[in-house]
Protein backbone atom coordinates (compact mmCIF):
# COMPACT_ATOMS: atom_id res chain seq x y z
CA UNK A 1 -47.85 4.18 29.86
CA UNK A 2 -46.53 5.39 26.56
CA UNK A 3 -48.04 6.95 23.48
CA UNK A 4 -46.85 7.98 19.83
CA UNK A 5 -48.11 10.50 18.18
CA UNK A 6 -47.00 11.97 14.59
CA UNK A 7 -48.14 15.18 13.38
CA UNK A 8 -50.50 15.26 16.57
CA UNK A 9 -52.64 12.28 15.66
CA UNK A 10 -52.41 9.50 18.23
CA UNK A 11 -50.87 6.56 16.09
CA UNK A 12 -50.48 2.46 16.95
CA UNK A 13 -47.66 0.46 18.07
CA UNK A 14 -46.22 -2.51 18.41
CA UNK A 15 -44.77 -4.09 22.23
CA UNK A 16 -42.15 -6.78 21.02
CA UNK A 17 -39.01 -7.95 22.43
CA UNK A 18 -39.05 -5.00 25.66
CA UNK A 19 -39.09 -2.81 22.68
CA UNK A 20 -41.97 -0.46 21.31
CA UNK A 21 -42.29 -0.12 17.83
CA UNK A 22 -44.39 2.64 15.16
CA UNK A 23 -43.31 2.77 11.62
CA UNK A 24 -43.01 6.24 10.26
CA UNK A 25 -44.12 7.65 7.20
CA UNK A 26 -42.32 8.88 4.43
CA UNK A 27 -43.05 12.69 4.88
CA UNK A 28 -41.39 15.13 7.44
CA UNK A 29 -43.41 15.39 10.25
CA UNK A 30 -43.59 15.90 14.21
CA UNK A 31 -43.22 13.17 16.09
CA UNK A 32 -43.80 13.24 20.04
CA UNK A 33 -42.92 10.23 22.53
CA UNK A 34 -44.98 10.58 25.50
CA UNK A 35 -44.17 8.35 28.45
CA UNK A 36 -44.71 7.88 32.61
CA UNK A 37 -42.86 7.94 34.84
CA UNK A 38 -41.67 11.15 34.25
CA UNK A 39 -37.92 12.23 33.73
CA UNK A 40 -36.81 8.49 32.04
CA UNK A 41 -34.61 9.01 28.80
CA UNK A 42 -35.94 6.17 26.53
CA UNK A 43 -33.26 5.27 24.14
CA UNK A 44 -34.55 6.04 20.92
CA UNK A 45 -33.50 3.85 17.79
CA UNK A 46 -34.64 4.53 14.02
CA UNK A 47 -33.92 1.31 11.67
CA UNK A 48 -32.21 -0.63 14.86
CA UNK A 49 -29.80 2.78 15.43
CA UNK A 50 -29.33 3.87 18.61
CA UNK A 51 -29.54 7.89 18.32
CA UNK A 52 -28.10 10.30 20.18
CA UNK A 53 -30.52 13.48 21.55
CA UNK A 54 -28.08 16.16 20.88
CA UNK A 55 -26.99 15.22 17.47
CA UNK A 56 -30.38 13.87 16.36
CA UNK A 57 -31.40 17.27 17.34
CA UNK A 58 -34.28 15.49 19.83
CA UNK A 59 -36.51 17.79 22.48
CA UNK A 60 -36.42 15.80 25.50
CA UNK A 61 -38.97 17.48 28.59
CA UNK A 62 -40.30 15.67 31.94
CA UNK A 63 -42.95 13.91 30.06
CA UNK A 64 -41.98 13.43 25.75
CA UNK A 65 -39.16 13.41 23.53
CA UNK A 66 -40.02 15.79 20.17
CA UNK A 67 -38.19 15.10 17.09
CA UNK A 68 -38.85 16.14 13.63
CA UNK A 69 -38.85 13.32 10.86
CA UNK A 70 -37.87 13.32 7.65
CA UNK A 71 -37.20 11.31 5.05
CA UNK A 72 -33.24 12.41 4.94
CA UNK A 73 -33.11 11.95 8.44
CA UNK A 74 -29.87 10.00 8.33
CA UNK A 75 -27.93 12.30 5.74
CA UNK A 76 -28.94 15.23 8.51
CA UNK A 77 -27.97 13.09 11.72
CA UNK A 78 -24.51 11.32 10.19
CA UNK A 79 -23.41 14.59 8.84
CA UNK A 80 -24.13 16.40 12.24
CA UNK A 81 -21.96 13.52 13.98
CA UNK A 82 -18.62 14.62 11.17
CA UNK A 83 -19.28 18.06 12.15
CA UNK A 84 -19.10 17.30 16.14
CA UNK A 85 -16.13 15.59 15.94
CA UNK A 86 -14.60 17.78 13.90
CA UNK A 87 -15.36 20.36 15.73
CA UNK A 88 -13.92 18.12 18.94
CA UNK A 89 -10.58 17.45 17.24
CA UNK A 90 -10.33 21.08 15.79
CA UNK A 91 -11.03 21.85 19.80
CA UNK A 92 -7.80 19.44 20.84
CA UNK A 93 -6.04 21.70 18.45
CA UNK A 94 -5.85 18.19 16.25
CA UNK A 95 -5.13 19.57 12.61
CA UNK A 96 -3.69 16.56 11.51
CA UNK A 97 -6.03 14.52 12.51
CA UNK A 98 -8.82 15.11 10.32
CA UNK A 99 -7.03 13.47 7.42
CA UNK A 100 -6.22 10.51 8.94
CA UNK A 101 -9.75 9.67 10.04
CA UNK A 102 -10.85 10.03 6.44
CA UNK A 103 -12.88 12.73 6.26
CA UNK A 104 -12.35 14.48 3.10
CA UNK A 105 -9.62 11.84 1.79
CA UNK A 106 -9.76 9.67 -0.88
CA UNK A 107 -7.74 6.72 -0.74
CA UNK A 108 -7.72 5.58 -4.39
CA UNK A 109 -4.91 3.31 -3.81
CA UNK A 110 -6.44 1.21 -0.58
CA UNK A 111 -9.43 1.20 -2.76
CA UNK A 112 -8.03 -0.49 -5.67
CA UNK A 113 -5.50 -2.84 -3.36
CA UNK A 114 -9.00 -3.84 -1.98
CA UNK A 115 -10.55 -4.92 -4.94
CA UNK A 116 -7.76 -6.80 -6.78
CA UNK A 117 -7.80 -8.78 -3.40
CA UNK A 118 -12.08 -9.28 -3.21
CA UNK A 119 -11.46 -10.40 -6.90
């Protein structure tokens, strides 16, 4: 059994290729996914991106997953990933790793070389 609610109103879903799908509105809303059997952790994909519950701020209960959807969901989600990785590297004491992985660094020379090779 599975039931989807957007702002506490039940919405239709499709089941295709062993996946349940709903269409999310282009406005901020509360989404609840109720399921049985209890105590499972469904995989949640948004636009085929597998989402981490913690980084996406999903609330998991025994019987449902709850999330706050907004049109700029991915901006917040990917920013959360970058912040998480940055904190992890700082915790490890890897201060020099941040520029190496490309956070807050511009690679003008490398980009121009790649663009020259593409031409």
